[in-house]
Protein backbone atom coordinates (compact mmCIF):
# COMPACT_ATOMS: atom_id res chain seq x y z
CA MET A 1 180.21 93.60 123.45
CA LEU A 2 176.95 94.76 125.08
CA ARG A 3 178.02 98.39 124.83
CA LEU A 4 178.85 97.93 121.15
CA SER A 5 175.44 96.34 120.51
CA ILE A 6 173.69 99.23 122.22
CA PHE A 7 175.76 101.74 120.24
CA LEU A 8 174.96 100.05 116.92
CA SER A 9 171.29 99.91 117.82
CA LEU A 10 171.27 103.65 118.50
CA ILE A 11 172.90 104.29 115.12
CA ALA A 12 170.29 102.14 113.38
CA VAL A 13 167.45 104.05 115.07
CA ALA A 14 168.93 107.40 114.10
CA GLN A 15 169.39 106.33 110.49
CA ALA A 16 165.84 104.96 110.28
CA THR A 17 164.48 108.20 111.73
CA LEU A 18 166.05 110.60 109.23
CA ASN A 19 163.60 111.72 106.52
CA GLY A 20 160.75 109.88 108.22
CA ALA A 21 157.31 111.47 108.35
CA CYS A 22 156.14 113.01 111.61
CA THR A 23 153.33 115.23 112.87
CA VAL A 24 153.33 117.95 115.51
CA GLY A 25 149.73 118.55 116.50
CA SER A 26 147.97 118.61 113.13
CA THR A 27 151.00 119.93 111.25
CA PRO A 28 152.91 117.39 109.12
CA GLY A 29 156.69 117.45 109.18
CA VAL A 30 159.86 115.52 108.39
CA CYS A 31 162.40 114.09 110.85
CA LEU A 32 165.58 116.04 110.18
CA ALA A 33 168.82 116.97 111.90
CA THR A 34 168.16 120.14 113.85
CA ALA A 35 170.86 122.02 111.92
CA THR A 36 169.28 121.07 108.58
CA CYS A 37 165.84 122.09 109.80
CA SER A 38 167.08 125.41 111.08
CA ALA A 39 168.96 126.15 107.85
CA GLY A 40 165.74 125.56 105.91
CA GLY A 41 163.71 127.88 108.10
CA GLY A 42 161.89 125.14 109.96
CA THR A 43 161.09 124.52 113.62
CA SER A 44 162.41 121.42 115.42
CA THR A 45 160.18 119.72 118.01
CA SER A 46 161.35 116.76 120.08
CA GLY A 47 159.31 113.70 120.94
CA PHE A 48 157.81 112.99 117.52
CA CYS A 49 160.50 110.89 115.75
CA ILE A 50 161.32 107.21 116.25
CA GLY A 51 163.58 106.84 119.27
CA ASP A 52 163.71 110.64 119.59
CA PRO A 53 167.48 110.95 118.84
CA THR A 54 169.16 113.96 120.42
CA ASP A 55 169.96 115.78 117.16
CA VAL A 56 167.01 114.53 115.02
CA LYS A 57 163.64 116.14 115.64
CA CYS A 58 160.35 116.70 113.82
CA CYS A 59 160.89 119.66 111.49
CA THR A 60 157.81 121.67 110.54
CA LYS A 61 157.32 124.83 108.53
CA THR A 62 154.44 127.23 108.85
CA SER A 63 155.55 129.52 106.05
CA CYS A 64 157.87 129.54 103.08
CA GLY A 65 158.61 132.04 100.31
CA SER A 66 158.32 129.39 97.61
CA GLY A 67 154.69 128.69 98.45
CA GLY A 68 152.71 125.52 97.71
CA LEU A 69 150.41 123.53 99.96
CA CYS A 70 151.57 120.48 101.88
CA PRO A 71 149.40 117.61 103.14
CA GLY A 72 147.59 118.67 106.29
CA PRO A 73 145.87 121.89 107.33
CA THR A 74 145.00 124.29 104.51
CA ASP A 75 147.02 127.06 106.13
CA PHE A 76 150.21 124.99 106.31
CA LYS A 77 152.73 125.88 103.62
CA CYS A 78 156.20 124.58 102.92
CA CYS A 79 158.86 124.88 100.22
CA LEU A 80 157.67 122.93 97.21
CA PRO A 81 159.50 122.80 93.87
CA ALA A 82 156.51 122.94 91.54
CA SER A 83 152.85 123.77 91.22
CA GLY A 84 150.01 121.73 89.76
CA CYS A 85 149.75 117.95 90.03
CA ALA A 86 152.65 117.17 87.70
CA PRO A 87 155.72 115.51 89.26
CA PRO A 88 158.45 117.99 90.20
CA THR A 89 161.58 118.60 88.17
CA ILE A 90 164.47 116.57 89.54
CA ASN A 91 166.91 118.56 91.67
CA ALA A 92 170.51 119.44 90.77
CA ALA A 93 171.93 116.58 92.85
CA THR A 94 169.91 114.07 90.84
CA VAL A 95 170.91 115.60 87.50
CA SER A 96 174.55 115.40 88.57
CA LEU A 97 174.22 111.75 89.63
CA ILE A 98 172.58 110.73 86.35
CA LYS A 99 175.20 112.57 84.29
CA GLN A 100 178.01 111.00 86.28
CA PHE A 101 176.89 107.44 85.64
CA GLU A 102 175.44 107.79 82.15
CA GLY A 103 178.40 109.74 80.81
CA PHE A 104 178.28 112.15 77.89
CA VAL A 105 178.08 110.60 74.41
CA ALA A 106 178.08 113.18 71.60
CA SER A 107 177.01 110.78 68.81
CA PRO A 108 174.99 107.52 68.93
CA ALA A 109 177.04 104.60 70.30
CA PRO A 110 176.38 101.26 72.06
CA ASP A 111 176.04 101.32 75.85
CA PRO A 112 177.70 98.63 78.08
CA ILE A 113 175.14 96.01 77.00
CA GLY A 114 175.04 97.05 73.35
CA LEU A 115 172.00 99.32 73.21
CA PRO A 116 172.37 102.47 71.05
CA THR A 117 172.40 105.61 73.20
CA VAL A 118 173.38 109.26 72.90
CA GLY A 119 173.70 112.29 75.14
CA TYR A 120 173.22 111.36 78.80
CA GLY A 121 171.63 107.94 78.52
CA HIS A 122 169.04 108.66 75.82
CA LEU A 123 168.06 105.27 74.40
CA CYS A 124 167.66 105.59 70.64
CA GLN A 125 164.11 104.85 69.45
CA THR A 126 164.83 104.93 65.71
CA THR A 127 167.76 104.25 63.38
CA ASN A 128 170.65 106.60 64.17
CA CYS A 129 168.54 108.26 66.91
CA GLY A 130 166.52 110.11 64.29
CA GLU A 131 164.01 111.23 66.92
CA VAL A 132 166.59 113.49 68.60
CA PRO A 133 165.86 117.13 67.60
CA PHE A 134 169.56 118.08 67.42
CA LYS A 135 172.35 117.42 64.96
CA PHE A 136 175.23 115.18 65.96
CA PRO A 137 177.63 115.54 67.59
CA LEU A 138 175.61 116.96 70.47
CA THR A 139 176.91 119.68 72.75
CA GLU A 140 176.70 119.03 76.49
CA ALA A 141 174.00 121.71 76.74
CA GLN A 142 171.92 119.93 74.08
CA ALA A 143 172.43 116.61 75.85
CA THR A 144 171.23 118.17 79.12
CA THR A 145 168.10 119.50 77.39
CA LEU A 146 167.46 116.01 76.00
CA LEU A 147 167.96 114.47 79.46
CA MET A 148 165.51 116.88 81.11
CA THR A 149 162.92 115.97 78.47
CA ASP A 150 163.54 112.23 78.81
CA ILE A 151 163.43 112.19 82.62
CA LYS A 152 159.83 113.44 82.68
CA THR A 153 158.63 109.98 81.64
CA TYR A 154 160.37 108.45 84.65
CA THR A 155 159.43 111.05 87.26
CA LYS A 156 155.82 110.52 86.19
CA CYS A 157 155.90 106.76 86.53
CA VAL A 158 157.61 107.00 89.94
CA ALA A 159 155.00 109.50 91.13
CA ASP A 160 152.14 107.44 89.66
CA ASP A 161 153.32 104.15 91.20
CA ILE A 162 153.82 105.48 94.75
CA VAL A 163 150.69 106.16 96.78
CA ASP A 164 150.15 109.69 98.08
CA SER A 165 150.39 108.58 101.71
CA VAL A 166 154.13 108.05 101.13
CA ARG A 167 155.97 111.35 101.52
CA LEU A 168 159.38 111.75 99.90
CA ASN A 169 161.76 114.68 99.83
CA ASP A 170 163.45 115.87 96.64
CA ASN A 171 166.57 113.75 97.23
CA GLN A 172 164.53 110.60 97.83
CA PHE A 173 162.35 111.25 94.79
CA GLY A 174 165.41 112.08 92.70
CA ALA A 175 167.19 108.85 93.65
CA LEU A 176 164.15 106.83 92.60
CA SER A 177 163.90 108.82 89.36
CA SER A 178 167.54 108.00 88.57
CA TRP A 179 166.82 104.33 89.25
CA ALA A 180 163.72 104.44 87.03
CA PHE A 181 165.64 106.19 84.24
CA ASN A 182 168.19 103.40 84.37
CA GLU A 183 165.89 100.39 84.80
CA GLY A 184 162.65 101.46 83.10
CA CYS A 185 159.12 102.18 84.28
CA GLY A 186 158.00 98.56 83.89
CA ALA A 187 160.61 97.36 86.37
CA VAL A 188 159.72 100.13 88.80
CA LYS A 189 156.00 99.35 88.73
CA THR A 190 156.41 95.66 89.57
CA SER A 191 159.30 96.09 92.01
CA THR A 192 159.39 94.98 95.63
CA LEU A 193 160.84 98.41 96.43
CA ILE A 194 157.65 100.22 95.38
CA ALA A 195 155.46 97.59 97.01
CA ARG A 196 157.27 98.02 100.33
CA LEU A 197 157.04 101.81 100.19
CA ASN A 198 153.33 101.60 99.47
CA ASN A 199 152.97 99.18 102.38
CA GLY A 200 154.18 101.92 104.72
CA GLU A 201 157.70 100.68 105.48
CA ASN A 202 160.44 103.15 106.38
CA PRO A 203 161.66 104.68 103.08
CA ASN A 204 165.33 104.86 104.13
CA THR A 205 165.36 101.20 105.10
CA VAL A 206 163.56 100.13 101.93
CA ALA A 207 165.93 102.08 99.65
CA ALA A 208 169.04 100.76 101.42
CA GLN A 209 167.85 97.16 101.12
CA GLU A 210 166.22 97.18 97.67
CA LEU A 211 168.19 99.53 95.41
CA PRO A 212 171.47 97.54 95.62
CA LYS A 213 169.67 94.51 94.18
CA TRP A 214 169.34 96.29 90.83
CA ASN A 215 172.93 95.84 89.67
CA ILE A 216 172.44 93.25 86.91
CA ALA A 217 172.21 93.94 83.16
CA GLY A 218 172.49 91.48 80.31
CA GLY A 219 172.48 88.66 82.84
CA GLN A 220 175.58 89.79 84.71
CA VAL A 221 176.50 92.00 87.65
CA LEU A 222 177.99 95.27 86.40
CA PRO A 223 180.35 97.16 88.74
CA GLY A 224 179.08 100.44 87.31
CA LEU A 225 175.52 99.55 88.32
CA THR A 226 176.70 98.53 91.79
CA ARG A 227 178.34 101.95 92.21
CA ARG A 228 175.28 103.74 90.83
CA ARG A 229 172.91 102.00 93.22
CA ALA A 230 175.19 102.91 96.13
CA ALA A 231 175.20 106.55 95.02
CA GLU A 232 171.40 106.50 94.74
CA VAL A 233 171.11 105.12 98.28
CA THR A 234 173.40 107.90 99.53
CA LEU A 235 171.32 110.55 97.76
CA PHE A 236 168.09 108.97 99.02
CA GLN A 237 169.31 109.16 102.61
CA THR A 238 170.49 112.78 102.34
CA PRO A 239 168.05 114.88 104.43
CA SER A 240 166.07 117.68 102.80
CA SER A 241 163.10 119.78 103.86
CA ILE A 242 161.75 120.05 100.30
CA ILE A 243 158.79 117.72 99.78
CA ALA A 244 158.60 116.23 96.26
CA HIS A 245 155.98 113.50 96.71
CA PRO A 246 153.04 113.54 96.72
CA PRO A 247 153.08 116.12 93.91
CA PRO A 248 151.57 119.44 95.02
CA CYS A 249 148.16 120.22 93.54
């Protein structure tokens, strides 16, 4: 029993370490599996992540072809997905997750709780979704264009509500953007999840504990929302060396 407890404790430490912020000297980094760091062109340094797991080390980059400045020294560059202070575009994994759970609807129809939607989760703002700039039925390409326009509202509110001292990779930011798209910016802003992140708690732990709570709509637990939250947690905890928050300026 003691051996099992020790083993489980080691697993918990390793899971909490992944994606965590770290610093080597004055260079900021992210705790990643050494293989992931190497594949992304980074350098792994031991002794700077919680518990210092054997295969999880502080990954730093001193150069990257994509450019963009990271927090820290002015000469430190890493792979960033966008320029300017605007939130980044969600990555392909996030787009795929949202499409999977929203489903494609070619013409306006009620969602599971009766709200009129079209495309990939576009909530109609006017009668018959008159604000949509395409004729119905939509093609999947048109629905994707609509989704990428809609999601900007939610990436902005996620970025605005999380303080810049919290660093998130593109999978973590994407998972929260999917959650915001589903639940709304008002819910995100007042959530315990955001409060805990801003309080400096471990992002992986916060996401795993808080996202599953958001599985109720219309006063009842929906299995589809339970599955979606689980998928968002999985995406959130998928390591990446691409920093998405704070937005690069």
